[in-house]
Amino acid sequence: EKDNSIINEVQKEILTFSDPRINRSIATDKMD
């Protein structure tokens, strides 16, 4: 998995750190 996102810190705060798209500690599922 690789995060290629282009986003600054102020914009990240708007999404909140419970958003798994910007919070790397919230892992994607290992299976689909």
Full PDB file with SEQRES, HELIX, SHEET, SSBOND, CRYST1, ORIGX, SCALE, CONECT and MASTER records, all heavy atoms in Angstrom:
SEQRES   1 A   32  GLU LYS ASP ASN SER ILE ILE ASN GLU VAL GLN LYS GLU          
SEQRES   2 A   32  ILE LEU THR PHE SER ASP PRO ARG ILE ASN ARG SER ILE          
SEQRES   3 A   32  ALA THR ASP LYS MET ASP                                      
HELIX    1 AA1 GLU A    9  LEU A   15  1                                   7    
CRYST1    1.000    1.000    1.000  90.00  90.00  90.00 P 1           1          
ORIGX1      1.000000  0.000000  0.000000        0.00000                         
ORIGX2      0.000000  1.000000  0.000000        0.00000                         
ORIGX3      0.000000  0.000000  1.000000        0.00000                         
SCALE1      1.000000  0.000000  0.000000        0.00000                         
SCALE2      0.000000  1.000000  0.000000        0.00000                         
SCALE3      0.000000  0.000000  1.000000        0.00000                         
ATOM      1  N   GLU A   1       0.845  -1.189   0.000  1.00  0.00           N  
ATOM      2  CA  GLU A   1       0.000   0.000   0.000  1.00  0.00           C  
ATOM      3  C   GLU A   1       0.882   1.241   0.000  1.00  0.00           C  
ATOM      4  O   GLU A   1       1.914   1.280   0.659  1.00  0.00           O  
ATOM      5  CB  GLU A   1      -0.905  -0.020   1.225  1.00  0.00           C  
ATOM      6  CG  GLU A   1      -1.898   1.103   1.299  1.00  0.00           C  
ATOM      7  CD  GLU A   1      -2.847   0.929   2.486  1.00  0.00           C  
ATOM      8  OE1 GLU A   1      -2.783  -0.127   3.154  1.00  0.00           O  
ATOM      9  OE2 GLU A   1      -3.639   1.853   2.739  1.00  0.00           O  
ATOM     10  N   LYS A   2       0.469   2.263  -0.745  1.00  0.00           N  
ATOM     11  CA  LYS A   2       1.242   3.493  -0.811  1.00  0.00           C  
ATOM     12  C   LYS A   2       0.302   4.689  -0.858  1.00  0.00           C  
ATOM     13  O   LYS A   2      -0.656   4.712  -1.625  1.00  0.00           O  
ATOM     14  CB  LYS A   2       2.147   3.494  -2.055  1.00  0.00           C  
ATOM     15  CG  LYS A   2       3.039   4.721  -2.162  1.00  0.00           C  
ATOM     16  CD  LYS A   2       3.915   4.669  -3.404  1.00  0.00           C  
ATOM     17  CE  LYS A   2       4.805   5.902  -3.520  1.00  0.00           C  
ATOM     18  NZ  LYS A   2       5.638   5.881  -4.744  1.00  0.00           N  
ATOM     19  N   ASP A   3       0.590   5.684  -0.013  1.00  0.00           N  
ATOM     20  CA  ASP A   3      -0.199   6.912   0.019  1.00  0.00           C  
ATOM     21  C   ASP A   3       0.479   7.964  -0.857  1.00  0.00           C  
ATOM     22  O   ASP A   3       1.613   8.361  -0.603  1.00  0.00           O  
ATOM     23  CB  ASP A   3      -0.330   7.402   1.461  1.00  0.00           C  
ATOM     24  CG  ASP A   3      -1.228   8.622   1.583  1.00  0.00           C  
ATOM     25  OD1 ASP A   3      -1.855   8.990   0.572  1.00  0.00           O  
ATOM     26  OD2 ASP A   3      -1.294   9.212   2.668  1.00  0.00           O  
ATOM     27  N   ASN A   4      -0.229   8.408  -1.903  1.00  0.00           N  
ATOM     28  CA  ASN A   4       0.312   9.407  -2.830  1.00  0.00           C  
ATOM     29  C   ASN A   4      -0.414  10.752  -2.698  1.00  0.00           C  
ATOM     30  O   ASN A   4      -0.356  11.584  -3.602  1.00  0.00           O  
ATOM     31  CB  ASN A   4       0.170   8.912  -4.274  1.00  0.00           C  
ATOM     32  CG  ASN A   4       0.637   7.486  -4.452  1.00  0.00           C  
ATOM     33  OD1 ASN A   4       1.786   7.176  -4.213  1.00  0.00           O  
ATOM     34  ND2 ASN A   4      -0.260   6.615  -4.868  1.00  0.00           N  
ATOM     35  N   SER A   5      -1.106  10.961  -1.583  1.00  0.00           N  
ATOM     36  CA  SER A   5      -1.979  12.123  -1.442  1.00  0.00           C  
ATOM     37  C   SER A   5      -1.207  13.440  -1.442  1.00  0.00           C  
ATOM     38  O   SER A   5      -0.077  13.525  -0.943  1.00  0.00           O  
ATOM     39  CB  SER A   5      -2.787  12.017  -0.140  1.00  0.00           C  
ATOM     40  OG  SER A   5      -3.626  10.882  -0.165  1.00  0.00           O  
ATOM     41  N   ILE A   6      -1.845  14.460  -2.025  1.00  0.00           N  
ATOM     42  CA  ILE A   6      -1.314  15.827  -2.018  1.00  0.00           C  
ATOM     43  C   ILE A   6      -2.259  16.663  -1.172  1.00  0.00           C  
ATOM     44  O   ILE A   6      -3.352  17.041  -1.623  1.00  0.00           O  
ATOM     45  CB  ILE A   6      -1.219  16.386  -3.441  1.00  0.00           C  
ATOM     46  CG1 ILE A   6      -0.330  15.493  -4.313  1.00  0.00           C  
ATOM     47  CG2 ILE A   6      -0.686  17.808  -3.430  1.00  0.00           C  
ATOM     48  CD1 ILE A   6      -0.320  15.889  -5.784  1.00  0.00           C  
ATOM     49  N   ILE A   7      -1.866  16.940   0.082  1.00  0.00           N  
ATOM     50  CA  ILE A   7      -2.736  17.642   1.013  1.00  0.00           C  
ATOM     51  C   ILE A   7      -1.884  18.275   2.105  1.00  0.00           C  
ATOM     52  O   ILE A   7      -0.903  17.676   2.570  1.00  0.00           O  
ATOM     53  CB  ILE A   7      -3.792  16.673   1.618  1.00  0.00           C  
ATOM     54  CG1 ILE A   7      -4.776  17.418   2.510  1.00  0.00           C  
ATOM     55  CG2 ILE A   7      -3.133  15.510   2.334  1.00  0.00           C  
ATOM     56  CD1 ILE A   7      -5.959  16.576   2.927  1.00  0.00           C  
ATOM     57  N   ASN A   8      -2.219  19.496   2.519  1.00  0.00           N  
ATOM     58  CA  ASN A   8      -1.430  20.159   3.567  1.00  0.00           C  
ATOM     59  C   ASN A   8      -2.054  19.934   4.947  1.00  0.00           C  
ATOM     60  O   ASN A   8      -3.147  19.359   5.063  1.00  0.00           O  
ATOM     61  CB  ASN A   8      -1.255  21.653   3.269  1.00  0.00           C  
ATOM     62  CG  ASN A   8      -2.577  22.409   3.225  1.00  0.00           C  
ATOM     63  OD1 ASN A   8      -3.474  22.180   4.036  1.00  0.00           O  
ATOM     64  ND2 ASN A   8      -2.705  23.319   2.268  1.00  0.00           N  
ATOM     65  N   GLU A   9      -1.389  20.393   5.988  1.00  0.00           N  
ATOM     66  CA  GLU A   9      -1.810  20.116   7.365  1.00  0.00           C  
ATOM     67  C   GLU A   9      -3.146  20.785   7.705  1.00  0.00           C  
ATOM     68  O   GLU A   9      -3.970  20.223   8.425  1.00  0.00           O  
ATOM     69  CB  GLU A   9      -0.728  20.559   8.348  1.00  0.00           C  
ATOM     70  CG  GLU A   9       0.558  19.754   8.247  1.00  0.00           C  
ATOM     71  CD  GLU A   9       0.339  18.276   8.471  1.00  0.00           C  
ATOM     72  OE1 GLU A   9      -0.446  17.918   9.391  1.00  0.00           O  
ATOM     73  OE2 GLU A   9       0.927  17.466   7.727  1.00  0.00           O  
ATOM     74  N   VAL A  10      -3.357  22.009   7.201  1.00  0.00           N  
ATOM     75  CA  VAL A  10      -4.623  22.708   7.477  1.00  0.00           C  
ATOM     76  C   VAL A  10      -5.794  21.942   6.864  1.00  0.00           C  
ATOM     77  O   VAL A  10      -6.853  21.782   7.480  1.00  0.00           O  
ATOM     78  CB  VAL A  10      -4.572  24.146   6.921  1.00  0.00           C  
ATOM     79  CG1 VAL A  10      -5.932  24.826   7.074  1.00  0.00           C  
ATOM     80  CG2 VAL A  10      -3.487  24.951   7.624  1.00  0.00           C  
ATOM     81  N   GLN A  11      -5.607  21.437   5.651  1.00  0.00           N  
ATOM     82  CA  GLN A  11      -6.661  20.666   4.995  1.00  0.00           C  
ATOM     83  C   GLN A  11      -6.901  19.337   5.709  1.00  0.00           C  
ATOM     84  O   GLN A  11      -8.043  18.870   5.803  1.00  0.00           O  
ATOM     85  CB  GLN A  11      -6.285  20.442   3.533  1.00  0.00           C  
ATOM     86  CG  GLN A  11      -6.285  21.737   2.717  1.00  0.00           C  
ATOM     87  CD  GLN A  11      -5.509  21.623   1.424  1.00  0.00           C  
ATOM     88  OE1 GLN A  11      -4.652  20.742   1.271  1.00  0.00           O  
ATOM     89  NE2 GLN A  11      -5.791  22.514   0.480  1.00  0.00           N  
ATOM     90  N   LYS A  12      -5.853  18.725   6.229  1.00  0.00           N  
ATOM     91  CA  LYS A  12      -6.009  17.485   6.989  1.00  0.00           C  
ATOM     92  C   LYS A  12      -6.874  17.698   8.219  1.00  0.00           C  
ATOM     93  O   LYS A  12      -7.689  16.848   8.589  1.00  0.00           O  
ATOM     94  CB  LYS A  12      -4.642  16.942   7.401  1.00  0.00           C  
ATOM     95  CG  LYS A  12      -3.869  16.262   6.298  1.00  0.00           C  
ATOM     96  CD  LYS A  12      -2.570  15.679   6.837  1.00  0.00           C  
ATOM     97  CE  LYS A  12      -1.782  14.972   5.748  1.00  0.00           C  
ATOM     98  NZ  LYS A  12      -0.508  14.396   6.266  1.00  0.00           N  
ATOM     99  N   GLU A  13      -6.721  18.837   8.878  1.00  0.00           N  
ATOM    100  CA  GLU A  13      -7.501  19.120  10.072  1.00  0.00           C  
ATOM    101  C   GLU A  13      -8.990  19.228   9.760  1.00  0.00           C  
ATOM    102  O   GLU A  13      -9.833  18.869  10.584  1.00  0.00           O  
ATOM    103  CB  GLU A  13      -7.008  20.413  10.723  1.00  0.00           C  
ATOM    104  CG  GLU A  13      -5.625  20.284  11.357  1.00  0.00           C  
ATOM    105  CD  GLU A  13      -5.144  21.601  11.943  1.00  0.00           C  
ATOM    106  OE1 GLU A  13      -5.943  22.565  11.945  1.00  0.00           O  
ATOM    107  OE2 GLU A  13      -3.987  21.664  12.389  1.00  0.00           O  
ATOM    108  N   ILE A  14      -9.320  19.701   8.569  1.00  0.00           N  
ATOM    109  CA  ILE A  14     -10.723  19.781   8.169  1.00  0.00           C  
ATOM    110  C   ILE A  14     -11.329  18.381   8.042  1.00  0.00           C  
ATOM    111  O   ILE A  14     -12.457  18.123   8.449  1.00  0.00           O  
ATOM    112  CB  ILE A  14     -10.863  20.547   6.836  1.00  0.00           C  
ATOM    113  CG1 ILE A  14     -10.567  22.024   7.055  1.00  0.00           C  
ATOM    114  CG2 ILE A  14     -12.247  20.371   6.236  1.00  0.00           C  
ATOM    115  CD1 ILE A  14     -11.572  22.733   7.941  1.00  0.00           C  
ATOM    116  N   LEU A  15     -10.572  17.451   7.470  1.00  0.00           N  
ATOM    117  CA  LEU A  15     -11.069  16.085   7.309  1.00  0.00           C  
ATOM    118  C   LEU A  15     -11.141  15.345   8.637  1.00  0.00           C  
ATOM    119  O   LEU A  15     -11.866  14.356   8.747  1.00  0.00           O  
ATOM    120  CB  LEU A  15     -10.174  15.317   6.325  1.00  0.00           C  
ATOM    121  CG  LEU A  15     -10.159  15.839   4.883  1.00  0.00           C  
ATOM    122  CD1 LEU A  15      -9.234  14.990   4.022  1.00  0.00           C  
ATOM    123  CD2 LEU A  15     -11.547  15.864   4.283  1.00  0.00           C  
ATOM    124  N   THR A  16     -10.406  15.782   9.624  1.00  0.00           N  
ATOM    125  CA  THR A  16     -10.270  15.201  10.972  1.00  0.00           C  
ATOM    126  C   THR A  16      -9.435  13.925  10.911  1.00  0.00           C  
ATOM    127  O   THR A  16      -9.447  13.199   9.900  1.00  0.00           O  
ATOM    128  CB  THR A  16     -11.613  14.891  11.657  1.00  0.00           C  
ATOM    129  OG1 THR A  16     -12.090  13.639  11.235  1.00  0.00           O  
ATOM    130  CG2 THR A  16     -12.636  15.973  11.449  1.00  0.00           C  
ATOM    131  N   PHE A  17      -8.780  13.622  12.008  1.00  0.00           N  
ATOM    132  CA  PHE A  17      -7.870  12.481  12.039  1.00  0.00           C  
ATOM    133  C   PHE A  17      -8.580  11.151  12.271  1.00  0.00           C  
ATOM    134  O   PHE A  17      -7.948  10.120  12.404  1.00  0.00           O  
ATOM    135  CB  PHE A  17      -6.776  12.712  13.082  1.00  0.00           C  
ATOM    136  CG  PHE A  17      -5.755  13.716  12.619  1.00  0.00           C  
ATOM    137  CD1 PHE A  17      -5.799  15.023  13.069  1.00  0.00           C  
ATOM    138  CD2 PHE A  17      -4.785  13.367  11.700  1.00  0.00           C  
ATOM    139  CE1 PHE A  17      -4.879  15.959  12.622  1.00  0.00           C  
ATOM    140  CE2 PHE A  17      -3.859  14.296  11.246  1.00  0.00           C  
ATOM    141  CZ  PHE A  17      -3.902  15.603  11.706  1.00  0.00           C  
ATOM    142  N   SER A  18      -9.924  11.179  12.314  1.00  0.00           N  
ATOM    143  CA  SER A  18     -10.661   9.915  12.310  1.00  0.00           C  
ATOM    144  C   SER A  18     -10.943   9.446  10.886  1.00  0.00           C  
ATOM    145  O   SER A  18     -11.496   8.374  10.681  1.00  0.00           O  
ATOM    146  CB  SER A  18     -11.977  10.069  13.074  1.00  0.00           C  
ATOM    147  OG  SER A  18     -12.772  11.080  12.482  1.00  0.00           O  
ATOM    148  N   ASP A  19     -10.545  10.262   9.910  1.00  0.00           N  
ATOM    149  CA  ASP A  19     -10.727   9.913   8.504  1.00  0.00           C  
ATOM    150  C   ASP A  19      -9.599   8.973   8.089  1.00  0.00           C  
ATOM    151  O   ASP A  19      -8.424   9.354   8.065  1.00  0.00           O  
ATOM    152  CB  ASP A  19     -10.698  11.183   7.656  1.00  0.00           C  
ATOM    153  CG  ASP A  19     -11.087  10.926   6.201  1.00  0.00           C  
ATOM    154  OD1 ASP A  19     -10.916   9.786   5.730  1.00  0.00           O  
ATOM    155  OD2 ASP A  19     -11.558  11.872   5.557  1.00  0.00           O  
ATOM    156  N   PRO A  20      -9.919   7.718   7.717  1.00  0.00           N  
ATOM    157  CA  PRO A  20      -8.858   6.761   7.366  1.00  0.00           C  
ATOM    158  C   PRO A  20      -8.098   7.122   6.101  1.00  0.00           C  
ATOM    159  O   PRO A  20      -7.018   6.592   5.863  1.00  0.00           O  
ATOM    160  CB  PRO A  20      -9.622   5.439   7.197  1.00  0.00           C  
ATOM    161  CG  PRO A  20     -11.008   5.840   6.869  1.00  0.00           C  
ATOM    162  CD  PRO A  20     -11.254   7.109   7.620  1.00  0.00           C  
ATOM    163  N   ARG A  21      -8.623   8.023   5.294  1.00  0.00           N  
ATOM    164  CA  ARG A  21      -7.911   8.415   4.076  1.00  0.00           C  
ATOM    165  C   ARG A  21      -6.647   9.215   4.388  1.00  0.00           C  
ATOM    166  O   ARG A  21      -5.720   9.250   3.573  1.00  0.00           O  
ATOM    167  CB  ARG A  21      -8.835   9.226   3.174  1.00  0.00           C  
ATOM    168  CG  ARG A  21     -10.026   8.444   2.644  1.00  0.00           C  
ATOM    169  CD  ARG A  21     -10.984   9.360   1.908  1.00  0.00           C  
ATOM    170  NE  ARG A  21     -11.500  10.402   2.771  1.00  0.00           N  
ATOM    171  CZ  ARG A  21     -12.246  11.428   2.368  1.00  0.00           C  
ATOM    172  NH1 ARG A  21     -12.549  11.540   1.086  1.00  0.00           N  
ATOM    173  NH2 ARG A  21     -12.680  12.335   3.214  1.00  0.00           N  
ATOM    174  N   ILE A  22      -6.605   9.864   5.545  1.00  0.00           N  
ATOM    175  CA  ILE A  22      -5.422  10.649   5.907  1.00  0.00           C  
ATOM    176  C   ILE A  22      -4.744  10.145   7.177  1.00  0.00           C  
ATOM    177  O   ILE A  22      -3.610  10.524   7.465  1.00  0.00           O  
ATOM    178  CB  ILE A  22      -5.776  12.140   6.080  1.00  0.00           C  
ATOM    179  CG1 ILE A  22      -6.774  12.319   7.223  1.00  0.00           C  
ATOM    180  CG2 ILE A  22      -6.317  12.720   4.786  1.00  0.00           C  
ATOM    181  CD1 ILE A  22      -6.989  13.757   7.609  1.00  0.00           C  
ATOM    182  N   ASN A  23      -5.436   9.287   7.921  1.00  0.00           N  
ATOM    183  CA  ASN A  23      -4.857   8.736   9.144  1.00  0.00           C  
ATOM    184  C   ASN A  23      -4.256   7.368   8.832  1.00  0.00           C  
ATOM    185  O   ASN A  23      -4.973   6.382   8.657  1.00  0.00           O  
ATOM    186  CB  ASN A  23      -5.927   8.611  10.227  1.00  0.00           C  
ATOM    187  CG  ASN A  23      -5.342   8.239  11.581  1.00  0.00           C  
ATOM    188  OD1 ASN A  23      -4.243   7.696  11.663  1.00  0.00           O  
ATOM    189  ND2 ASN A  23      -6.069   8.525  12.642  1.00  0.00           N  
ATOM    190  N   ARG A  24      -2.953   7.292   8.766  1.00  0.00           N  
ATOM    191  CA  ARG A  24      -2.294   6.047   8.360  1.00  0.00           C  
ATOM    192  C   ARG A  24      -2.390   4.949   9.413  1.00  0.00           C  
ATOM    193  O   ARG A  24      -2.130   3.785   9.114  1.00  0.00           O  
ATOM    194  CB  ARG A  24      -0.821   6.336   8.050  1.00  0.00           C  
ATOM    195  CG  ARG A  24      -0.646   7.251   6.841  1.00  0.00           C  
ATOM    196  CD  ARG A  24       0.818   7.454   6.513  1.00  0.00           C  
ATOM    197  NE  ARG A  24       1.008   8.332   5.357  1.00  0.00           N  
ATOM    198  CZ  ARG A  24       2.185   8.652   4.876  1.00  0.00           C  
ATOM    199  NH1 ARG A  24       3.292   8.178   5.430  1.00  0.00           N  
ATOM    200  NH2 ARG A  24       2.273   9.460   3.821  1.00  0.00           N  
ATOM    201  N   SER A  25      -2.749   5.302  10.650  1.00  0.00           N  
ATOM    202  CA  SER A  25      -2.884   4.278  11.687  1.00  0.00           C  
ATOM    203  C   SER A  25      -4.167   3.460  11.518  1.00  0.00           C  
ATOM    204  O   SER A  25      -4.326   2.404  12.130  1.00  0.00           O  
ATOM    205  CB  SER A  25      -2.864   4.925  13.078  1.00  0.00           C  
ATOM    206  OG  SER A  25      -4.001   5.741  13.268  1.00  0.00           O  
ATOM    207  N   ILE A  26      -5.091   3.965  10.702  1.00  0.00           N  
ATOM    208  CA  ILE A  26      -6.314   3.207  10.398  1.00  0.00           C  
ATOM    209  C   ILE A  26      -6.054   2.423   9.125  1.00  0.00           C  
ATOM    210  O   ILE A  26      -6.092   2.955   8.013  1.00  0.00           O  
ATOM    211  CB  ILE A  26      -7.529   4.144  10.226  1.00  0.00           C  
ATOM    212  CG1 ILE A  26      -7.716   5.010  11.468  1.00  0.00           C  
ATOM    213  CG2 ILE A  26      -8.793   3.332   9.955  1.00  0.00           C  
ATOM    214  CD1 ILE A  26      -8.824   6.036  11.342  1.00  0.00           C  
ATOM    215  N   ALA A  27      -5.764   1.163   9.281  1.00  0.00           N  
ATOM    216  CA  ALA A  27      -5.290   0.349   8.159  1.00  0.00           C  
ATOM    217  C   ALA A  27      -6.437  -0.111   7.264  1.00  0.00           C  
ATOM    218  O   ALA A  27      -7.575  -0.310   7.719  1.00  0.00           O  
ATOM    219  CB  ALA A  27      -4.531  -0.864   8.685  1.00  0.00           C  
ATOM    220  N   THR A  28      -6.142  -0.265   5.995  1.00  0.00           N  
ATOM    221  CA  THR A  28      -7.092  -0.893   5.082  1.00  0.00           C  
ATOM    222  C   THR A  28      -7.127  -2.390   5.372  1.00  0.00           C  
ATOM    223  O   THR A  28      -6.174  -2.975   5.876  1.00  0.00           O  
ATOM    224  CB  THR A  28      -6.664  -0.672   3.621  1.00  0.00           C  
ATOM    225  OG1 THR A  28      -5.300  -1.104   3.471  1.00  0.00           O  
ATOM    226  CG2 THR A  28      -6.749   0.791   3.248  1.00  0.00           C  
ATOM    227  N   ASP A  29      -8.257  -3.013   5.050  1.00  0.00           N  
ATOM    228  CA  ASP A  29      -8.417  -4.439   5.308  1.00  0.00           C  
ATOM    229  C   ASP A  29      -7.431  -5.241   4.466  1.00  0.00           C  
ATOM    230  O   ASP A  29      -7.140  -4.894   3.322  1.00  0.00           O  
ATOM    231  CB  ASP A  29      -9.848  -4.866   4.999  1.00  0.00           C  
ATOM    232  CG  ASP A  29     -10.250  -6.116   5.765  1.00  0.00           C  
ATOM    233  OD1 ASP A  29      -9.552  -7.145   5.614  1.00  0.00           O  
ATOM    234  OD2 ASP A  29     -11.236  -6.074   6.506  1.00  0.00           O  
ATOM    235  N   LYS A  30      -6.941  -6.321   5.040  1.00  0.00           N  
ATOM    236  CA  LYS A  30      -5.954  -7.152   4.349  1.00  0.00           C  
ATOM    237  C   LYS A  30      -6.562  -8.018   3.253  1.00  0.00           C  
ATOM    238  O   LYS A  30      -5.835  -8.563   2.416  1.00  0.00           O  
ATOM    239  CB  LYS A  30      -5.220  -8.039   5.357  1.00  0.00           C  
ATOM    240  CG  LYS A  30      -4.369  -7.253   6.348  1.00  0.00           C  
ATOM    241  CD  LYS A  30      -3.650  -8.190   7.302  1.00  0.00           C  
ATOM    242  CE  LYS A  30      -2.781  -7.397   8.275  1.00  0.00           C  
ATOM    243  NZ  LYS A  30      -2.069  -8.278   9.232  1.00  0.00           N  
ATOM    244  N   MET A  31      -7.898  -8.153   3.271  1.00  0.00           N  
ATOM    245  CA  MET A  31      -8.566  -8.984   2.269  1.00  0.00           C  
ATOM    246  C   MET A  31      -9.726  -8.218   1.651  1.00  0.00           C  
ATOM    247  O   MET A  31     -10.287  -7.306   2.266  1.00  0.00           O  
ATOM    248  CB  MET A  31      -9.085 -10.284   2.906  1.00  0.00           C  
ATOM    249  CG  MET A  31      -8.010 -11.230   3.385  1.00  0.00           C  
ATOM    250  SD  MET A  31      -8.735 -12.726   4.112  1.00  0.00           S  
ATOM    251  CE  MET A  31      -9.632 -13.380   2.702  1.00  0.00           C  
ATOM    252  N   ASP A  32     -10.043  -8.606   0.438  1.00  0.00           N  
ATOM    253  CA  ASP A  32     -11.216  -8.055  -0.226  1.00  0.00           C  
ATOM    254  C   ASP A  32     -11.946  -9.214  -0.906  1.00  0.00           C  
ATOM    255  O   ASP A  32     -11.329 -10.207  -1.304  1.00  0.00           O  
ATOM    256  CB  ASP A  32     -10.816  -6.993  -1.258  1.00  0.00           C  
ATOM    257  CG  ASP A  32     -12.004  -6.179  -1.750  1.00  0.00           C  
ATOM    258  OD1 ASP A  32     -13.056  -6.215  -1.085  1.00  0.00           O  
ATOM    259  OD2 ASP A  32     -11.881  -5.509  -2.785  1.00  0.00           O  
TER     260      ASP A  32                                                      
MASTER        0    0    0    1    0    0    0    6  259    1    0    3          
END                                                                             
